[in-house]
Amino acid sequence: MSIQRLEAGRRMSGAVVHGDTVYLSGQVGNAGDDVTQQTVTVLERVDALLAAAGTDKSKLLQATIWLADMNDFGAMNAVWDAWVDPANTPARATGESKLAAPDYLVEIIVVAAR
């Protein structure tokens, strides 16, 4: 079975397609933006990568969301709830973690079917 790598770089790929499963790397927003805008940016990037892989958010299987501060849970969820397909919500986990840079407030990782 073939493996396709999208936006492949030296350290990681933006997405990897194996068979009918699409794995996205963790997506982050623009440093300095608030958590609401970072979440909007992240989900726009998720949409773009899923489209490049031949799928969309209606085929999400799993989402893992990392927040730098769980106090931002409500603000992030407001954006997520407006974006996610309500008929096809994925399995999801959200936790608090120190992210790669202090200005990143949210990171989202998804797995989807094609």
PDB file of N, CA and C in Angstrom:
ATOM      1  N   MET A   1       0.850  -1.175   0.000  1.00  0.00           N
ATOM      2  CA  MET A   1       0.000   0.000   0.000  1.00  0.00           C
ATOM      3  C   MET A   1       0.892   1.233   0.000  1.00  0.00           C
ATOM      4  N   SER A   2       0.545   2.201  -0.820  1.00  0.00           N
ATOM      5  CA  SER A   2       1.383   3.387  -0.970  1.00  0.00           C
ATOM      6  C   SER A   2       1.191   4.367   0.191  1.00  0.00           C
ATOM      7  N   ILE A   3       2.200   5.193   0.358  1.00  0.00           N
ATOM      8  CA  ILE A   3       2.173   6.268   1.343  1.00  0.00           C
ATOM      9  C   ILE A   3       2.421   7.568   0.597  1.00  0.00           C
ATOM     10  N   GLN A   4       1.561   8.540   0.801  1.00  0.00           N
ATOM     11  CA  GLN A   4       1.697   9.851   0.183  1.00  0.00           C
ATOM     12  C   GLN A   4       1.949  10.869   1.285  1.00  0.00           C
ATOM     13  N   ARG A   5       2.959  11.711   1.096  1.00  0.00           N
ATOM     14  CA  ARG A   5       3.293  12.740   2.075  1.00  0.00           C
ATOM     15  C   ARG A   5       3.021  14.116   1.476  1.00  0.00           C
ATOM     16  N   LEU A   6       2.228  14.910   2.180  1.00  0.00           N
ATOM     17  CA  LEU A   6       1.886  16.254   1.724  1.00  0.00           C
ATOM     18  C   LEU A   6       2.651  17.279   2.544  1.00  0.00           C
ATOM     19  N   GLU A   7       3.128  18.320   1.868  1.00  0.00           N
ATOM     20  CA  GLU A   7       3.928  19.351   2.527  1.00  0.00           C
ATOM     21  C   GLU A   7       5.077  18.728   3.322  1.00  0.00           C
ATOM     22  N   ALA A   8       5.768  17.807   2.665  1.00  0.00           N
ATOM     23  CA  ALA A   8       6.875  17.098   3.316  1.00  0.00           C
ATOM     24  C   ALA A   8       8.045  18.035   3.562  1.00  0.00           C
ATOM     25  N   GLY A   9       8.589  17.956   4.741  1.00  0.00           N
ATOM     26  CA  GLY A   9       9.745  18.757   5.117  1.00  0.00           C
ATOM     27  C   GLY A   9      10.831  17.877   5.706  1.00  0.00           C
ATOM     28  N   ARG A  10      11.897  18.496   6.120  1.00  0.00           N
ATOM     29  CA  ARG A  10      13.027  17.764   6.694  1.00  0.00           C
ATOM     30  C   ARG A  10      12.653  17.067   7.997  1.00  0.00           C
ATOM     31  N   ARG A  11      11.794  17.711   8.806  1.00  0.00           N
ATOM     32  CA  ARG A  11      11.440  17.183  10.113  1.00  0.00           C
ATOM     33  C   ARG A  11      10.115  16.439  10.117  1.00  0.00           C
ATOM     34  N   MET A  12       9.148  16.898   9.326  1.00  0.00           N
ATOM     35  CA  MET A  12       7.819  16.282   9.342  1.00  0.00           C
ATOM     36  C   MET A  12       7.061  16.647   8.075  1.00  0.00           C
ATOM     37  N   SER A  13       5.953  15.965   7.878  1.00  0.00           N
ATOM     38  CA  SER A  13       5.041  16.259   6.778  1.00  0.00           C
ATOM     39  C   SER A  13       3.791  16.896   7.357  1.00  0.00           C
ATOM     40  N   GLY A  14       3.149  17.742   6.588  1.00  0.00           N
ATOM     41  CA  GLY A  14       1.896  18.333   7.024  1.00  0.00           C
ATOM     42  C   GLY A  14       0.800  17.303   7.157  1.00  0.00           C
ATOM     43  N   ALA A  15       0.837  16.316   6.252  1.00  0.00           N
ATOM     44  CA  ALA A  15      -0.126  15.219   6.293  1.00  0.00           C
ATOM     45  C   ALA A  15       0.499  14.000   5.650  1.00  0.00           C
ATOM     46  N   VAL A  16       0.052  12.838   6.087  1.00  0.00           N
ATOM     47  CA  VAL A  16       0.474  11.576   5.495  1.00  0.00           C
ATOM     48  C   VAL A  16      -0.787  10.774   5.197  1.00  0.00           C
ATOM     49  N   VAL A  17      -0.865  10.279   3.957  1.00  0.00           N
ATOM     50  CA  VAL A  17      -1.998   9.466   3.541  1.00  0.00           C
ATOM     51  C   VAL A  17      -1.505   8.039   3.377  1.00  0.00           C
ATOM     52  N   HIS A  18      -2.166   7.126   4.072  1.00  0.00           N
ATOM     53  CA  HIS A  18      -1.857   5.702   3.969  1.00  0.00           C
ATOM     54  C   HIS A  18      -3.167   4.971   3.724  1.00  0.00           C
ATOM     55  N   GLY A  19      -3.323   4.428   2.530  1.00  0.00           N
ATOM     56  CA  GLY A  19      -4.594   3.808   2.186  1.00  0.00           C
ATOM     57  C   GLY A  19      -5.688   4.859   2.194  1.00  0.00           C
ATOM     58  N   ASP A  20      -6.735   4.611   2.950  1.00  0.00           N
ATOM     59  CA  ASP A  20      -7.843   5.554   3.039  1.00  0.00           C
ATOM     60  C   ASP A  20      -7.847   6.331   4.343  1.00  0.00           C
ATOM     61  N   THR A  21      -6.672   6.429   4.987  1.00  0.00           N
ATOM     62  CA  THR A  21      -6.563   7.171   6.239  1.00  0.00           C
ATOM     63  C   THR A  21      -5.600   8.336   6.056  1.00  0.00           C
ATOM     64  N   VAL A  22      -5.996   9.504   6.558  1.00  0.00           N
ATOM     65  CA  VAL A  22      -5.201  10.726   6.453  1.00  0.00           C
ATOM     66  C   VAL A  22      -4.820  11.168   7.861  1.00  0.00           C
ATOM     67  N   TYR A  23      -3.530  11.320   8.088  1.00  0.00           N
ATOM     68  CA  TYR A  23      -2.995  11.739   9.387  1.00  0.00           C
ATOM     69  C   TYR A  23      -2.411  13.135   9.228  1.00  0.00           C
ATOM     70  N   LEU A  24      -2.915  14.100   9.975  1.00  0.00           N
ATOM     71  CA  LEU A  24      -2.352  15.446   9.939  1.00  0.00           C
ATOM     72  C   LEU A  24      -1.408  15.648  11.102  1.00  0.00           C
ATOM     73  N   SER A  25      -0.332  16.378  10.835  1.00  0.00           N
ATOM     74  CA  SER A  25       0.548  16.773  11.928  1.00  0.00           C
ATOM     75  C   SER A  25      -0.166  17.846  12.745  1.00  0.00           C
ATOM     76  N   GLY A  26       0.379  18.171  13.887  1.00  0.00           N
ATOM     77  CA  GLY A  26      -0.223  19.205  14.717  1.00  0.00           C
ATOM     78  C   GLY A  26      -0.195  20.544  14.001  1.00  0.00           C
ATOM     79  N   GLN A  27      -1.348  21.205  13.957  1.00  0.00           N
ATOM     80  CA  GLN A  27      -1.471  22.502  13.288  1.00  0.00           C
ATOM     81  C   GLN A  27      -1.573  23.592  14.343  1.00  0.00           C
ATOM     82  N   VAL A  28      -0.841  24.664  14.135  1.00  0.00           N
ATOM     83  CA  VAL A  28      -0.866  25.796  15.055  1.00  0.00           C
ATOM     84  C   VAL A  28      -1.220  27.065  14.287  1.00  0.00           C
ATOM     85  N   GLY A  29      -1.657  28.075  15.017  1.00  0.00           N
ATOM     86  CA  GLY A  29      -2.005  29.362  14.415  1.00  0.00           C
ATOM     87  C   GLY A  29      -0.816  30.287  14.357  1.00  0.00           C
ATOM     88  N   ASN A  30      -1.100  31.555  14.251  1.00  0.00           N
ATOM     89  CA  ASN A  30      -0.046  32.569  14.179  1.00  0.00           C
ATOM     90  C   ASN A  30       0.295  33.064  15.584  1.00  0.00           C
ATOM     91  N   ALA A  31       1.576  32.977  15.911  1.00  0.00           N
ATOM     92  CA  ALA A  31       2.045  33.435  17.216  1.00  0.00           C
ATOM     93  C   ALA A  31       1.632  34.884  17.423  1.00  0.00           C
ATOM     94  N   GLY A  32       1.146  35.184  18.611  1.00  0.00           N
ATOM     95  CA  GLY A  32       0.732  36.540  18.935  1.00  0.00           C
ATOM     96  C   GLY A  32      -0.769  36.755  18.834  1.00  0.00           C
ATOM     97  N   ASP A  33      -1.463  35.943  18.020  1.00  0.00           N
ATOM     98  CA  ASP A  33      -2.917  36.031  17.962  1.00  0.00           C
ATOM     99  C   ASP A  33      -3.518  35.451  19.239  1.00  0.00           C
ATOM    100  N   ASP A  34      -4.749  35.845  19.550  1.00  0.00           N
ATOM    101  CA  ASP A  34      -5.418  35.261  20.710  1.00  0.00           C
ATOM    102  C   ASP A  34      -5.893  33.845  20.363  1.00  0.00           C
ATOM    103  N   VAL A  35      -6.366  33.110  21.351  1.00  0.00           N
ATOM    104  CA  VAL A  35      -6.724  31.710  21.135  1.00  0.00           C
ATOM    105  C   VAL A  35      -7.864  31.558  20.137  1.00  0.00           C
ATOM    106  N   THR A  36      -8.788  32.501  20.114  1.00  0.00           N
ATOM    107  CA  THR A  36      -9.888  32.429  19.149  1.00  0.00           C
ATOM    108  C   THR A  36      -9.350  32.501  17.728  1.00  0.00           C
ATOM    109  N   GLN A  37      -8.527  33.489  17.429  1.00  0.00           N
ATOM    110  CA  GLN A  37      -7.986  33.634  16.075  1.00  0.00           C
ATOM    111  C   GLN A  37      -7.039  32.485  15.738  1.00  0.00           C
ATOM    112  N   GLN A  38      -6.237  32.028  16.710  1.00  0.00           N
ATOM    113  CA  GLN A  38      -5.362  30.888  16.433  1.00  0.00           C
ATOM    114  C   GLN A  38      -6.189  29.662  16.078  1.00  0.00           C
ATOM    115  N   THR A  39      -7.300  29.437  16.762  1.00  0.00           N
ATOM    116  CA  THR A  39      -8.142  28.282  16.463  1.00  0.00           C
ATOM    117  C   THR A  39      -8.741  28.403  15.067  1.00  0.00           C
ATOM    118  N   VAL A  40      -9.193  29.597  14.699  1.00  0.00           N
ATOM    119  CA  VAL A  40      -9.713  29.826  13.342  1.00  0.00           C
ATOM    120  C   VAL A  40      -8.642  29.480  12.312  1.00  0.00           C
ATOM    121  N   THR A  41      -7.441  29.973  12.507  1.00  0.00           N
ATOM    122  CA  THR A  41      -6.335  29.719  11.576  1.00  0.00           C
ATOM    123  C   THR A  41      -6.004  28.237  11.503  1.00  0.00           C
ATOM    124  N   VAL A  42      -5.941  27.582  12.648  1.00  0.00           N
ATOM    125  CA  VAL A  42      -5.654  26.149  12.683  1.00  0.00           C
ATOM    126  C   VAL A  42      -6.687  25.382  11.868  1.00  0.00           C
ATOM    127  N   LEU A  43      -7.951  25.674  12.077  1.00  0.00           N
ATOM    128  CA  LEU A  43      -9.000  24.926  11.384  1.00  0.00           C
ATOM    129  C   LEU A  43      -9.021  25.233   9.889  1.00  0.00           C
ATOM    130  N   GLU A  44      -8.630  26.439   9.486  1.00  0.00           N
ATOM    131  CA  GLU A  44      -8.461  26.731   8.058  1.00  0.00           C
ATOM    132  C   GLU A  44      -7.347  25.874   7.475  1.00  0.00           C
ATOM    133  N   ARG A  45      -6.262  25.699   8.214  1.00  0.00           N
ATOM    134  CA  ARG A  45      -5.148  24.858   7.754  1.00  0.00           C
ATOM    135  C   ARG A  45      -5.563  23.388   7.699  1.00  0.00           C
ATOM    136  N   VAL A  46      -6.337  22.958   8.680  1.00  0.00           N
ATOM    137  CA  VAL A  46      -6.859  21.587   8.673  1.00  0.00           C
ATOM    138  C   VAL A  46      -7.713  21.375   7.425  1.00  0.00           C
ATOM    139  N   ASP A  47      -8.619  22.310   7.145  1.00  0.00           N
ATOM    140  CA  ASP A  47      -9.459  22.207   5.943  1.00  0.00           C
ATOM    141  C   ASP A  47      -8.614  22.089   4.678  1.00  0.00           C
ATOM    142  N   ALA A  48      -7.585  22.925   4.574  1.00  0.00           N
ATOM    143  CA  ALA A  48      -6.738  22.930   3.379  1.00  0.00           C
ATOM    144  C   ALA A  48      -5.981  21.615   3.224  1.00  0.00           C
ATOM    145  N   LEU A  49      -5.422  21.100   4.305  1.00  0.00           N
ATOM    146  CA  LEU A  49      -4.686  19.831   4.230  1.00  0.00           C
ATOM    147  C   LEU A  49      -5.623  18.669   3.919  1.00  0.00           C
ATOM    148  N   LEU A  50      -6.796  18.666   4.536  1.00  0.00           N
ATOM    149  CA  LEU A  50      -7.751  17.600   4.240  1.00  0.00           C
ATOM    150  C   LEU A  50      -8.154  17.645   2.766  1.00  0.00           C
ATOM    151  N   ALA A  51      -8.401  18.836   2.235  1.00  0.00           N
ATOM    152  CA  ALA A  51      -8.764  18.970   0.820  1.00  0.00           C
ATOM    153  C   ALA A  51      -7.635  18.466  -0.083  1.00  0.00           C
ATOM    154  N   ALA A  52      -6.397  18.807   0.255  1.00  0.00           N
ATOM    155  CA  ALA A  52      -5.252  18.352  -0.533  1.00  0.00           C
ATOM    156  C   ALA A  52      -5.127  16.830  -0.517  1.00  0.00           C
ATOM    157  N   ALA A  53      -5.610  16.223   0.566  1.00  0.00           N
ATOM    158  CA  ALA A  53      -5.552  14.761   0.703  1.00  0.00           C
ATOM    159  C   ALA A  53      -6.794  14.083   0.111  1.00  0.00           C
ATOM    160  N   GLY A  54      -7.743  14.880  -0.375  1.00  0.00           N
ATOM    161  CA  GLY A  54      -8.938  14.316  -0.992  1.00  0.00           C
ATOM    162  C   GLY A  54     -10.057  13.984  -0.031  1.00  0.00           C
ATOM    163  N   THR A  55     -10.134  14.729   1.072  1.00  0.00           N
ATOM    164  CA  THR A  55     -11.189  14.476   2.049  1.00  0.00           C
ATOM    165  C   THR A  55     -11.645  15.806   2.660  1.00  0.00           C
ATOM    166  N   ASP A  56     -12.464  15.737   3.696  1.00  0.00           N
ATOM    167  CA  ASP A  56     -12.933  16.947   4.365  1.00  0.00           C
ATOM    168  C   ASP A  56     -13.322  16.626   5.801  1.00  0.00           C
ATOM    169  N   LYS A  57     -13.735  17.662   6.527  1.00  0.00           N
ATOM    170  CA  LYS A  57     -14.016  17.519   7.958  1.00  0.00           C
ATOM    171  C   LYS A  57     -15.176  16.581   8.257  1.00  0.00           C
ATOM    172  N   SER A  58     -16.019  16.289   7.293  1.00  0.00           N
ATOM    173  CA  SER A  58     -17.117  15.344   7.534  1.00  0.00           C
ATOM    174  C   SER A  58     -16.611  13.914   7.702  1.00  0.00           C
ATOM    175  N   LYS A  59     -15.339  13.701   7.392  1.00  0.00           N
ATOM    176  CA  LYS A  59     -14.756  12.366   7.502  1.00  0.00           C
ATOM    177  C   LYS A  59     -13.743  12.260   8.646  1.00  0.00           C
ATOM    178  N   LEU A  60     -13.772  13.228   9.563  1.00  0.00           N
ATOM    179  CA  LEU A  60     -12.865  13.172  10.711  1.00  0.00           C
ATOM    180  C   LEU A  60     -13.142  11.927  11.540  1.00  0.00           C
ATOM    181  N   LEU A  61     -12.082  11.269  11.956  1.00  0.00           N
ATOM    182  CA  LEU A  61     -12.179  10.104  12.836  1.00  0.00           C
ATOM    183  C   LEU A  61     -11.803  10.473  14.265  1.00  0.00           C
ATOM    184  N   GLN A  62     -10.746  11.261  14.391  1.00  0.00           N
ATOM    185  CA  GLN A  62     -10.209  11.579  15.718  1.00  0.00           C
ATOM    186  C   GLN A  62      -9.588  12.967  15.698  1.00  0.00           C
ATOM    187  N   ALA A  63      -9.699  13.674  16.815  1.00  0.00           N
ATOM    188  CA  ALA A  63      -9.038  14.968  17.000  1.00  0.00           C
ATOM    189  C   ALA A  63      -8.397  14.990  18.378  1.00  0.00           C
ATOM    190  N   THR A  64      -7.175  15.475  18.424  1.00  0.00           N
ATOM    191  CA  THR A  64      -6.485  15.715  19.687  1.00  0.00           C
ATOM    192  C   THR A  64      -6.165  17.200  19.736  1.00  0.00           C
ATOM    193  N   ILE A  65      -6.603  17.856  20.789  1.00  0.00           N
ATOM    194  CA  ILE A  65      -6.416  19.300  20.920  1.00  0.00           C
ATOM    195  C   ILE A  65      -5.577  19.573  22.163  1.00  0.00           C
ATOM    196  N   TRP A  66      -4.515  20.331  21.955  1.00  0.00           N
ATOM    197  CA  TRP A  66      -3.662  20.761  23.066  1.00  0.00           C
ATOM    198  C   TRP A  66      -3.832  22.255  23.253  1.00  0.00           C
ATOM    199  N   LEU A  67      -4.098  22.664  24.471  1.00  0.00           N
ATOM    200  CA  LEU A  67      -4.183  24.074  24.840  1.00  0.00           C
ATOM    201  C   LEU A  67      -3.043  24.411  25.784  1.00  0.00           C
ATOM    202  N   ALA A  68      -2.455  25.573  25.609  1.00  0.00           N
ATOM    203  CA  ALA A  68      -1.414  26.023  26.536  1.00  0.00           C
ATOM    204  C   ALA A  68      -2.007  26.323  27.908  1.00  0.00           C
ATOM    205  N   ASP A  69      -3.294  26.668  27.920  1.00  0.00           N
ATOM    206  CA  ASP A  69      -3.973  27.013  29.167  1.00  0.00           C
ATOM    207  C   ASP A  69      -5.428  26.562  29.066  1.00  0.00           C
ATOM    208  N   MET A  70      -5.861  25.683  29.955  1.00  0.00           N
ATOM    209  CA  MET A  70      -7.231  25.173  29.905  1.00  0.00           C
ATOM    210  C   MET A  70      -8.273  26.273  30.148  1.00  0.00           C
ATOM    211  N   ASN A  71      -7.852  27.433  30.621  1.00  0.00           N
ATOM    212  CA  ASN A  71      -8.784  28.553  30.747  1.00  0.00           C
ATOM    213  C   ASN A  71      -9.290  29.011  29.374  1.00  0.00           C
ATOM    214  N   ASP A  72      -8.603  28.609  28.303  1.00  0.00           N
ATOM    215  CA  ASP A  72      -9.007  28.951  26.938  1.00  0.00           C
ATOM    216  C   ASP A  72      -9.951  27.919  26.324  1.00  0.00           C
ATOM    217  N   PHE A  73     -10.347  26.916  27.103  1.00  0.00           N
ATOM    218  CA  PHE A  73     -11.200  25.827  26.609  1.00  0.00           C
ATOM    219  C   PHE A  73     -12.497  26.351  25.986  1.00  0.00           C
ATOM    220  N   GLY A  74     -13.175  27.261  26.651  1.00  0.00           N
ATOM    221  CA  GLY A  74     -14.444  27.795  26.149  1.00  0.00           C
ATOM    222  C   GLY A  74     -14.278  28.558  24.847  1.00  0.00           C
ATOM    223  N   ALA A  75     -13.258  29.409  24.775  1.00  0.00           N
ATOM    224  CA  ALA A  75     -13.025  30.190  23.560  1.00  0.00           C
ATOM    225  C   ALA A  75     -12.668  29.287  22.387  1.00  0.00           C
ATOM    226  N   MET A  76     -11.824  28.292  22.620  1.00  0.00           N
ATOM    227  CA  MET A  76     -11.477  27.353  21.559  1.00  0.00           C
ATOM    228  C   MET A  76     -12.712  26.576  21.128  1.00  0.00           C
ATOM    229  N   ASN A  77     -13.502  26.093  22.090  1.00  0.00           N
ATOM    230  CA  ASN A  77     -14.698  25.309  21.767  1.00  0.00           C
ATOM    231  C   ASN A  77     -15.720  26.117  20.975  1.00  0.00           C
ATOM    232  N   ALA A  78     -15.827  27.416  21.219  1.00  0.00           N
ATOM    233  CA  ALA A  78     -16.765  28.244  20.460  1.00  0.00           C
ATOM    234  C   ALA A  78     -16.427  28.202  18.971  1.00  0.00           C
ATOM    235  N   VAL A  79     -15.144  28.269  18.653  1.00  0.00           N
ATOM    236  CA  VAL A  79     -14.711  28.197  17.257  1.00  0.00           C
ATOM    237  C   VAL A  79     -14.887  26.774  16.725  1.00  0.00           C
ATOM    238  N   TRP A  80     -14.466  25.785  17.497  1.00  0.00           N
ATOM    239  CA  TRP A  80     -14.598  24.372  17.098  1.00  0.00           C
ATOM    240  C   TRP A  80     -16.058  24.033  16.802  1.00  0.00           C
ATOM    241  N   ASP A  81     -16.954  24.411  17.705  1.00  0.00           N
ATOM    242  CA  ASP A  81     -18.366  24.062  17.551  1.00  0.00           C
ATOM    243  C   ASP A  81     -18.977  24.679  16.297  1.00  0.00           C
ATOM    244  N   ALA A  82     -18.533  25.875  15.923  1.00  0.00           N
ATOM    245  CA  ALA A  82     -19.033  26.518  14.709  1.00  0.00           C
ATOM    246  C   ALA A  82     -18.450  25.860  13.453  1.00  0.00           C
ATOM    247  N   TRP A  83     -17.311  25.185  13.583  1.00  0.00           N
ATOM    248  CA  TRP A  83     -16.607  24.593  12.439  1.00  0.00           C
ATOM    249  C   TRP A  83     -16.954  23.126  12.219  1.00  0.00           C
ATOM    250  N   VAL A  84     -17.004  22.345  13.267  1.00  0.00           N
ATOM    251  CA  VAL A  84     -17.137  20.892  13.130  1.00  0.00           C
ATOM    252  C   VAL A  84     -18.489  20.535  12.511  1.00  0.00           C
ATOM    253  N   ASP A  85     -18.499  19.461  11.715  1.00  0.00           N
ATOM    254  CA  ASP A  85     -19.744  18.971  11.119  1.00  0.00           C
ATOM    255  C   ASP A  85     -20.551  18.299  12.231  1.00  0.00           C
ATOM    256  N   PRO A  86     -21.690  18.876  12.641  1.00  0.00           N
ATOM    257  CA  PRO A  86     -22.423  18.331  13.790  1.00  0.00           C
ATOM    258  C   PRO A  86     -22.972  16.920  13.565  1.00  0.00           C
ATOM    259  N   ALA A  87     -23.102  16.504  12.322  1.00  0.00           N
ATOM    260  CA  ALA A  87     -23.578  15.149  12.027  1.00  0.00           C
ATOM    261  C   ALA A  87     -22.437  14.139  12.004  1.00  0.00           C
ATOM    262  N   ASN A  88     -21.189  14.625  12.051  1.00  0.00           N
ATOM    263  CA  ASN A  88     -20.032  13.735  11.920  1.00  0.00           C
ATOM    264  C   ASN A  88     -18.909  14.137  12.865  1.00  0.00           C
ATOM    265  N   THR A  89     -19.220  14.268  14.143  1.00  0.00           N
ATOM    266  CA  THR A  89     -18.190  14.673  15.099  1.00  0.00           C
ATOM    267  C   THR A  89     -17.210  13.522  15.335  1.00  0.00           C
ATOM    268  N   PRO A  90     -15.926  13.846  15.465  1.00  0.00           N
ATOM    269  CA  PRO A  90     -14.915  12.810  15.685  1.00  0.00           C
ATOM    270  C   PRO A  90     -14.801  12.438  17.160  1.00  0.00           C
ATOM    271  N   ALA A  91     -14.116  11.344  17.427  1.00  0.00           N
ATOM    272  CA  ALA A  91     -13.651  11.089  18.789  1.00  0.00           C
ATOM    273  C   ALA A  91     -12.658  12.217  19.089  1.00  0.00           C
ATOM    274  N   ARG A  92     -12.691  12.753  20.311  1.00  0.00           N
ATOM    275  CA  ARG A  92     -11.861  13.921  20.590  1.00  0.00           C
ATOM    276  C   ARG A  92     -11.343  13.902  22.012  1.00  0.00           C
ATOM    277  N   ALA A  93     -10.120  14.382  22.161  1.00  0.00           N
ATOM    278  CA  ALA A  93      -9.531  14.589  23.482  1.00  0.00           C
ATOM    279  C   ALA A  93      -8.925  15.984  23.502  1.00  0.00           C
ATOM    280  N   THR A  94      -9.012  16.641  24.650  1.00  0.00           N
ATOM    281  CA  THR A  94      -8.414  17.962  24.823  1.00  0.00           C
ATOM    282  C   THR A  94      -7.621  17.956  26.119  1.00  0.00           C
ATOM    283  N   GLY A  95      -6.413  18.485  26.056  1.00  0.00           N
ATOM    284  CA  GLY A  95      -5.587  18.546  27.252  1.00  0.00           C
ATOM    285  C   GLY A  95      -4.762  19.817  27.263  1.00  0.00           C
ATOM    286  N   GLU A  96      -4.123  20.045  28.387  1.00  0.00           N
ATOM    287  CA  GLU A  96      -3.245  21.202  28.545  1.00  0.00           C
ATOM    288  C   GLU A  96      -1.809  20.726  28.412  1.00  0.00           C
ATOM    289  N   SER A  97      -1.018  21.485  27.658  1.00  0.00           N
ATOM    290  CA  SER A  97       0.370  21.108  27.439  1.00  0.00           C
ATOM    291  C   SER A  97       1.201  22.344  27.138  1.00  0.00           C
ATOM    292  N   LYS A  98       2.455  22.292  27.477  1.00  0.00           N
ATOM    293  CA  LYS A  98       3.384  23.324  27.058  1.00  0.00           C
ATOM    294  C   LYS A  98       3.644  23.080  25.569  1.00  0.00           C
ATOM    295  N   LEU A  99       3.340  24.060  24.736  1.00  0.00           N
ATOM    296  CA  LEU A  99       3.482  23.890  23.291  1.00  0.00           C
ATOM    297  C   LEU A  99       4.887  24.289  22.839  1.00  0.00           C
ATOM    298  N   ALA A 100       5.168  24.128  21.553  1.00  0.00           N
ATOM    299  CA  ALA A 100       6.523  24.303  21.020  1.00  0.00           C
ATOM    300  C   ALA A 100       7.097  25.702  21.238  1.00  0.00           C
ATOM    301  N   ALA A 101       6.242  26.702  21.280  1.00  0.00           N
ATOM    302  CA  ALA A 101       6.678  28.080  21.534  1.00  0.00           C
ATOM    303  C   ALA A 101       5.649  28.736  22.453  1.00  0.00           C
ATOM    304  N   PRO A 102       6.073  29.640  23.308  1.00  0.00           N
ATOM    305  CA  PRO A 102       5.152  30.231  24.269  1.00  0.00           C
ATOM    306  C   PRO A 102       3.992  31.020  23.644  1.00  0.00           C
ATOM    307  N   ASP A 103       4.149  31.476  22.411  1.00  0.00           N
ATOM    308  CA  ASP A 103       3.088  32.248  21.764  1.00  0.00           C
ATOM    309  C   ASP A 103       2.032  31.364  21.102  1.00  0.00           C
ATOM    310  N   TYR A 104       2.261  30.069  21.041  1.00  0.00           N
ATOM    311  CA  TYR A 104       1.237  29.157  20.522  1.00  0.00           C
ATOM    312  C   TYR A 104       0.293  28.807  21.663  1.00  0.00           C
ATOM    313  N   LEU A 105      -0.994  28.989  21.420  1.00  0.00           N
ATOM    314  CA  LEU A 105      -2.001  28.770  22.469  1.00  0.00           C
ATOM    315  C   LEU A 105      -2.815  27.522  22.228  1.00  0.00           C
ATOM    316  N   VAL A 106      -2.852  27.024  20.987  1.00  0.00           N
ATOM    317  CA  VAL A 106      -3.642  25.834  20.659  1.00  0.00           C
ATOM    318  C   VAL A 106      -2.937  25.079  19.525  1.00  0.00           C
ATOM    319  N   GLU A 107      -2.980  23.761  19.617  1.00  0.00           N
ATOM    320  CA  GLU A 107      -2.483  22.881  18.556  1.00  0.00           C
ATOM    321  C   GLU A 107      -3.511  21.770  18.364  1.00  0.00           C
ATOM    322  N   ILE A 108      -3.859  21.510  17.106  1.00  0.00           N
ATOM    323  CA  ILE A 108      -4.884  20.499  16.812  1.00  0.00           C
ATOM    324  C   ILE A 108      -4.314  19.476  15.837  1.00  0.00           C
ATOM    325  N   ILE A 109      -4.523  18.209  16.175  1.00  0.00           N
ATOM    326  CA  ILE A 109      -4.073  17.066  15.375  1.00  0.00           C
ATOM    327  C   ILE A 109      -5.317  16.282  14.998  1.00  0.00           C
ATOM    328  N   VAL A 110      -5.482  15.941  13.721  1.00  0.00           N
ATOM    329  CA  VAL A 110      -6.642  15.147  13.334  1.00  0.00           C
ATOM    330  C   VAL A 110      -6.233  13.959  12.476  1.00  0.00           C
ATOM    331  N   VAL A 111      -7.108  12.961  12.506  1.00  0.00           N
ATOM    332  CA  VAL A 111      -7.023  11.795  11.626  1.00  0.00           C
ATOM    333  C   VAL A 111      -8.382  11.715  10.936  1.00  0.00           C
ATOM    334  N   ALA A 112      -8.361  11.467   9.624  1.00  0.00           N
ATOM    335  CA  ALA A 112      -9.604  11.411   8.852  1.00  0.00           C
ATOM    336  C   ALA A 112      -9.569  10.253   7.870  1.00  0.00           C
ATOM    337  N   ALA A 113     -10.732   9.843   7.443  1.00  0.00           N
ATOM    338  CA  ALA A 113     -10.873   8.861   6.370  1.00  0.00           C
ATOM    339  C   ALA A 113     -10.948   9.621   5.047  1.00  0.00           C
ATOM    340  N   ARG A 114     -10.659   8.897   3.961  1.00  0.00           N
ATOM    341  CA  ARG A 114     -10.847   9.505   2.635  1.00  0.00           C
ATOM    342  C   ARG A 114     -12.124   9.012   2.027  1.00  0.00           C
TER     343      ARG A 114
END
